[in-house]
N, C-alpha and C. Protein backbone atom coordinates (compact mmCIF):
# COMPACT_ATOMS: atom_id res chain seq x y z
N GLN A 1 0.85 -1.20 0.00
CA GLN A 1 0.00 0.00 0.00
C GLN A 1 0.88 1.24 0.00
N VAL A 2 0.54 2.18 -0.86
CA VAL A 2 1.29 3.42 -0.96
C VAL A 2 0.70 4.45 -0.01
N THR A 3 1.56 5.10 0.75
CA THR A 3 1.13 6.21 1.60
C THR A 3 2.09 7.37 1.39
N VAL A 4 1.54 8.55 1.28
CA VAL A 4 2.31 9.79 1.18
C VAL A 4 1.71 10.75 2.20
N VAL A 5 2.49 11.13 3.19
CA VAL A 5 1.98 11.93 4.30
C VAL A 5 2.90 13.12 4.55
N GLU A 6 2.32 14.31 4.50
CA GLU A 6 3.06 15.53 4.83
C GLU A 6 2.83 15.89 6.29
N SER A 7 3.80 16.53 6.89
CA SER A 7 3.66 17.02 8.26
C SER A 7 4.53 18.25 8.43
N GLY A 8 4.23 19.02 9.49
CA GLY A 8 5.07 20.15 9.82
C GLY A 8 4.48 21.52 9.56
N GLY A 9 3.28 21.56 9.00
CA GLY A 9 2.67 22.86 8.72
C GLY A 9 2.19 23.55 9.99
N GLY A 10 1.72 24.76 9.82
CA GLY A 10 1.20 25.50 10.96
C GLY A 10 1.08 26.97 10.67
N MET A 11 0.84 27.73 11.73
CA MET A 11 0.71 29.18 11.63
C MET A 11 1.96 29.82 12.21
N VAL A 12 2.58 30.68 11.44
CA VAL A 12 3.81 31.36 11.88
C VAL A 12 3.73 32.83 11.51
N GLN A 13 4.72 33.57 11.96
CA GLN A 13 4.81 34.99 11.61
C GLN A 13 5.86 35.19 10.52
N ALA A 14 5.74 36.29 9.81
CA ALA A 14 6.70 36.61 8.77
C ALA A 14 8.11 36.60 9.35
N GLY A 15 9.03 35.97 8.62
CA GLY A 15 10.41 35.87 9.07
C GLY A 15 10.73 34.57 9.78
N ASP A 16 9.71 33.84 10.18
CA ASP A 16 9.92 32.57 10.87
C ASP A 16 10.35 31.48 9.90
N SER A 17 10.70 30.34 10.46
CA SER A 17 11.07 29.16 9.66
C SER A 17 10.15 28.00 10.01
N LEU A 18 10.02 27.11 9.05
CA LEU A 18 9.29 25.86 9.24
C LEU A 18 10.00 24.77 8.47
N ARG A 19 9.83 23.55 8.95
CA ARG A 19 10.38 22.41 8.24
C ARG A 19 9.25 21.41 8.00
N LEU A 20 8.99 21.16 6.74
CA LEU A 20 7.98 20.18 6.36
C LEU A 20 8.65 18.85 6.09
N SER A 21 7.92 17.79 6.38
CA SER A 21 8.43 16.44 6.10
C SER A 21 7.45 15.68 5.23
N CYS A 22 7.99 14.89 4.32
CA CYS A 22 7.18 14.01 3.48
C CYS A 22 7.62 12.57 3.73
N ALA A 23 6.69 11.77 4.24
CA ALA A 23 6.96 10.35 4.44
C ALA A 23 6.21 9.58 3.36
N ALA A 24 6.96 9.01 2.43
CA ALA A 24 6.38 8.28 1.31
C ALA A 24 6.81 6.82 1.39
N HIS A 25 5.83 5.91 1.44
CA HIS A 25 6.14 4.49 1.61
C HIS A 25 5.32 3.65 0.64
N GLY A 26 5.81 2.48 0.34
CA GLY A 26 5.07 1.53 -0.47
C GLY A 26 5.62 1.31 -1.86
N ARG A 27 6.54 2.16 -2.28
CA ARG A 27 7.19 1.99 -3.59
C ARG A 27 8.63 2.51 -3.47
N ALA A 28 9.45 2.12 -4.42
CA ALA A 28 10.79 2.69 -4.51
C ALA A 28 10.70 3.95 -5.36
N PHE A 29 10.25 5.02 -4.74
CA PHE A 29 10.01 6.26 -5.46
C PHE A 29 11.31 6.82 -6.04
N THR A 30 11.24 7.27 -7.27
CA THR A 30 12.43 7.78 -7.94
C THR A 30 12.66 9.26 -7.68
N THR A 31 11.56 9.99 -7.49
CA THR A 31 11.66 11.41 -7.21
C THR A 31 10.58 11.82 -6.22
N ILE A 32 10.90 12.81 -5.41
CA ILE A 32 9.96 13.40 -4.45
C ILE A 32 9.90 14.89 -4.74
N TYR A 33 8.69 15.37 -4.94
CA TYR A 33 8.46 16.78 -5.23
C TYR A 33 7.71 17.45 -4.08
N TRP A 34 7.95 18.74 -3.95
CA TRP A 34 7.12 19.60 -3.10
C TRP A 34 6.44 20.64 -3.98
N TYR A 35 5.15 20.81 -3.77
CA TYR A 35 4.35 21.81 -4.45
C TYR A 35 3.57 22.60 -3.40
N ARG A 36 2.99 23.69 -3.82
CA ARG A 36 2.06 24.43 -2.97
C ARG A 36 0.94 24.99 -3.83
N GLN A 37 -0.17 25.24 -3.16
CA GLN A 37 -1.31 25.83 -3.85
C GLN A 37 -2.02 26.79 -2.91
N ALA A 38 -2.08 28.04 -3.33
CA ALA A 38 -2.80 29.05 -2.57
C ALA A 38 -4.21 29.16 -3.13
N PRO A 39 -5.15 29.64 -2.34
CA PRO A 39 -6.54 29.77 -2.81
C PRO A 39 -6.63 30.59 -4.08
N GLY A 40 -7.33 30.05 -5.07
CA GLY A 40 -7.52 30.76 -6.33
C GLY A 40 -6.34 30.72 -7.27
N LYS A 41 -5.29 29.98 -6.89
CA LYS A 41 -4.10 29.91 -7.74
C LYS A 41 -3.83 28.47 -8.16
N GLU A 42 -3.02 28.32 -9.19
CA GLU A 42 -2.63 27.00 -9.64
C GLU A 42 -1.57 26.40 -8.71
N ARG A 43 -1.51 25.08 -8.74
CA ARG A 43 -0.49 24.41 -7.94
C ARG A 43 0.88 24.76 -8.51
N GLU A 44 1.80 25.08 -7.63
CA GLU A 44 3.11 25.60 -8.01
C GLU A 44 4.21 24.64 -7.59
N PHE A 45 5.08 24.29 -8.51
CA PHE A 45 6.25 23.48 -8.20
C PHE A 45 7.22 24.27 -7.34
N LEU A 46 7.76 23.63 -6.30
CA LEU A 46 8.73 24.28 -5.43
C LEU A 46 10.12 23.64 -5.54
N ALA A 47 10.17 22.32 -5.39
CA ALA A 47 11.48 21.67 -5.34
C ALA A 47 11.33 20.18 -5.62
N VAL A 48 12.43 19.56 -6.04
CA VAL A 48 12.44 18.14 -6.30
C VAL A 48 13.74 17.52 -5.82
N TRP A 49 13.64 16.29 -5.32
CA TRP A 49 14.79 15.50 -4.89
C TRP A 49 14.80 14.23 -5.73
N VAL A 50 15.98 13.91 -6.28
CA VAL A 50 16.12 12.74 -7.14
C VAL A 50 16.86 11.65 -6.39
N ARG A 51 16.21 10.50 -6.26
CA ARG A 51 16.76 9.43 -5.43
C ARG A 51 18.07 8.86 -5.97
N SER A 52 18.17 8.71 -7.28
CA SER A 52 19.31 7.99 -7.86
C SER A 52 20.64 8.63 -7.55
N ASN A 53 20.66 9.95 -7.50
CA ASN A 53 21.95 10.63 -7.26
C ASN A 53 21.87 11.74 -6.23
N GLY A 54 20.70 11.91 -5.62
CA GLY A 54 20.56 12.90 -4.56
C GLY A 54 20.53 14.33 -5.02
N THR A 55 20.41 14.54 -6.32
CA THR A 55 20.39 15.92 -6.79
C THR A 55 19.06 16.58 -6.46
N THR A 56 19.10 17.88 -6.38
CA THR A 56 17.91 18.66 -6.06
C THR A 56 17.79 19.84 -7.02
N ARG A 57 16.57 20.32 -7.11
CA ARG A 57 16.32 21.53 -7.91
C ARG A 57 15.21 22.32 -7.25
N HIS A 58 15.34 23.63 -7.25
CA HIS A 58 14.35 24.51 -6.62
C HIS A 58 13.88 25.53 -7.64
N THR A 59 12.61 25.89 -7.55
CA THR A 59 12.13 26.93 -8.43
C THR A 59 12.76 28.26 -8.03
N ASP A 60 12.91 29.15 -9.00
CA ASP A 60 13.63 30.39 -8.74
C ASP A 60 13.03 31.22 -7.61
N SER A 61 11.71 31.20 -7.49
CA SER A 61 11.05 32.07 -6.53
C SER A 61 11.36 31.71 -5.08
N VAL A 62 11.87 30.52 -4.81
CA VAL A 62 12.17 30.12 -3.43
C VAL A 62 13.65 29.82 -3.21
N LYS A 63 14.44 29.94 -4.25
CA LYS A 63 15.88 29.69 -4.09
C LYS A 63 16.47 30.61 -3.04
N GLY A 64 17.28 30.03 -2.19
CA GLY A 64 17.90 30.81 -1.13
C GLY A 64 17.08 30.84 0.15
N ARG A 65 15.79 30.52 0.07
CA ARG A 65 14.94 30.48 1.26
C ARG A 65 14.48 29.07 1.59
N PHE A 66 14.17 28.28 0.57
CA PHE A 66 13.68 26.91 0.77
C PHE A 66 14.76 25.92 0.33
N THR A 67 14.86 24.83 1.07
CA THR A 67 15.83 23.79 0.72
C THR A 67 15.20 22.41 0.89
N ILE A 68 15.26 21.61 -0.15
CA ILE A 68 14.77 20.23 -0.07
C ILE A 68 15.94 19.31 0.23
N SER A 69 15.68 18.33 1.09
CA SER A 69 16.75 17.40 1.44
C SER A 69 16.17 16.08 1.94
N ARG A 70 17.01 15.08 1.92
CA ARG A 70 16.63 13.77 2.41
C ARG A 70 17.11 13.63 3.86
N ASP A 71 16.22 13.20 4.75
CA ASP A 71 16.59 12.89 6.12
C ASP A 71 16.59 11.38 6.27
N ASN A 72 17.76 10.79 6.24
CA ASN A 72 17.85 9.33 6.27
C ASN A 72 17.40 8.75 7.60
N ALA A 73 17.60 9.47 8.67
CA ALA A 73 17.21 8.98 9.99
C ALA A 73 15.69 8.85 10.10
N LYS A 74 15.00 9.84 9.54
CA LYS A 74 13.53 9.82 9.61
C LYS A 74 12.91 9.14 8.40
N ASN A 75 13.72 8.88 7.38
CA ASN A 75 13.21 8.32 6.12
C ASN A 75 12.16 9.24 5.51
N THR A 76 12.50 10.51 5.46
CA THR A 76 11.61 11.50 4.89
C THR A 76 12.38 12.39 3.92
N VAL A 77 11.64 13.11 3.10
CA VAL A 77 12.21 14.17 2.28
C VAL A 77 11.61 15.47 2.80
N ASP A 78 12.47 16.33 3.27
CA ASP A 78 12.02 17.53 3.99
C ASP A 78 12.16 18.78 3.15
N LEU A 79 11.37 19.77 3.50
CA LEU A 79 11.48 21.09 2.88
C LEU A 79 11.70 22.10 4.00
N GLN A 80 12.91 22.59 4.11
CA GLN A 80 13.24 23.62 5.09
C GLN A 80 12.90 24.97 4.50
N MET A 81 12.07 25.73 5.20
CA MET A 81 11.61 27.02 4.70
C MET A 81 12.01 28.10 5.68
N ASN A 82 12.81 29.04 5.23
CA ASN A 82 13.28 30.14 6.07
C ASN A 82 12.73 31.47 5.56
N SER A 83 12.78 32.45 6.43
CA SER A 83 12.34 33.81 6.07
C SER A 83 10.97 33.79 5.40
N LEU A 84 10.04 33.14 6.05
CA LEU A 84 8.72 32.99 5.46
C LEU A 84 8.02 34.33 5.32
N LYS A 85 7.23 34.42 4.26
CA LYS A 85 6.50 35.66 3.94
C LYS A 85 5.00 35.34 3.90
N PRO A 86 4.17 36.35 4.07
CA PRO A 86 2.72 36.11 3.98
C PRO A 86 2.32 35.44 2.67
N GLU A 87 3.01 35.77 1.59
CA GLU A 87 2.67 35.17 0.30
C GLU A 87 3.08 33.70 0.19
N ASP A 88 3.76 33.19 1.18
CA ASP A 88 4.05 31.76 1.24
C ASP A 88 2.87 30.95 1.81
N SER A 89 1.87 31.65 2.29
CA SER A 89 0.70 30.96 2.84
C SER A 89 0.03 30.14 1.75
N ALA A 90 -0.17 28.86 2.02
CA ALA A 90 -0.72 27.95 1.03
C ALA A 90 -0.87 26.57 1.64
N MET A 91 -1.47 25.68 0.87
CA MET A 91 -1.43 24.26 1.21
C MET A 91 -0.21 23.68 0.51
N TYR A 92 0.60 22.97 1.26
CA TYR A 92 1.82 22.39 0.72
C TYR A 92 1.65 20.88 0.54
N TYR A 93 2.04 20.42 -0.65
CA TYR A 93 1.82 19.02 -1.01
C TYR A 93 3.13 18.32 -1.37
N CYS A 94 3.19 17.07 -1.00
CA CYS A 94 4.28 16.20 -1.42
C CYS A 94 3.77 15.31 -2.55
N ASN A 95 4.61 15.09 -3.54
CA ASN A 95 4.27 14.24 -4.67
C ASN A 95 5.39 13.24 -4.86
N ALA A 96 5.08 11.97 -4.71
CA ALA A 96 6.08 10.90 -4.83
C ALA A 96 5.85 10.15 -6.14
N ARG A 97 6.91 9.97 -6.92
CA ARG A 97 6.75 9.40 -8.25
C ARG A 97 7.63 8.18 -8.49
N ILE A 98 7.08 7.27 -9.27
CA ILE A 98 7.84 6.25 -9.96
C ILE A 98 7.57 6.46 -11.44
N ILE A 99 8.21 5.71 -12.29
CA ILE A 99 8.08 5.96 -13.73
C ILE A 99 6.63 5.91 -14.18
N GLU A 100 5.89 4.95 -13.63
CA GLU A 100 4.54 4.72 -14.16
C GLU A 100 3.43 5.33 -13.32
N ALA A 101 3.75 6.00 -12.26
CA ALA A 101 2.68 6.53 -11.40
C ALA A 101 3.17 7.70 -10.57
N SER A 102 2.17 8.45 -10.07
CA SER A 102 2.43 9.62 -9.24
C SER A 102 1.45 9.60 -8.09
N TYR A 103 1.95 9.86 -6.88
CA TYR A 103 1.11 9.79 -5.68
C TYR A 103 1.21 11.10 -4.91
N TRP A 104 0.04 11.61 -4.51
CA TRP A 104 -0.03 12.87 -3.77
C TRP A 104 -0.43 12.63 -2.32
N GLY A 105 0.11 13.45 -1.46
CA GLY A 105 -0.34 13.47 -0.09
C GLY A 105 -1.57 14.37 0.04
N GLN A 106 -2.09 14.45 1.27
CA GLN A 106 -3.29 15.26 1.54
C GLN A 106 -2.96 16.73 1.69
N GLY A 107 -1.71 17.02 1.94
CA GLY A 107 -1.29 18.41 2.09
C GLY A 107 -1.21 18.83 3.54
N THR A 108 -0.42 19.87 3.76
CA THR A 108 -0.32 20.48 5.07
C THR A 108 -0.37 21.99 4.90
N GLN A 109 -1.15 22.64 5.74
CA GLN A 109 -1.42 24.07 5.58
C GLN A 109 -0.37 24.91 6.28
N ILE A 110 0.08 25.93 5.59
CA ILE A 110 0.97 26.93 6.19
C ILE A 110 0.32 28.29 6.05
N THR A 111 0.24 28.98 7.16
CA THR A 111 -0.29 30.34 7.17
C THR A 111 0.76 31.26 7.80
N VAL A 112 1.15 32.26 7.06
CA VAL A 112 2.16 33.21 7.52
C VAL A 112 1.51 34.57 7.71
N SER A 113 1.54 35.06 8.92
CA SER A 113 0.94 36.36 9.21
C SER A 113 2.01 37.45 9.19
N SER A 114 1.59 38.64 8.84
CA SER A 114 2.55 39.76 8.74
C SER A 114 2.72 40.47 10.07
């Protein structure tokens, strides 16, 4: 059974940091993505981690503030978010992929107040 579960969201103030975790189990996922979606907006790609070689990529809008990484101890792929802004408020989703399928978590809400 495949499970994809995000955790770590919450309500913070501008300038704070949060660390999200994605626990994906049930397949040998090749890539783990983080996305977000704010009300009335399209889902936005944030970052990706590639299992085969550990490489990562971040969208330009979050470079320098957000970092995706693998936590081997927790068996999760995390998204460290620093210097949060009100415009970062959104539902954050993890997407775990294999070649033939894609699995989404339920999301975790982040609200950043000014």
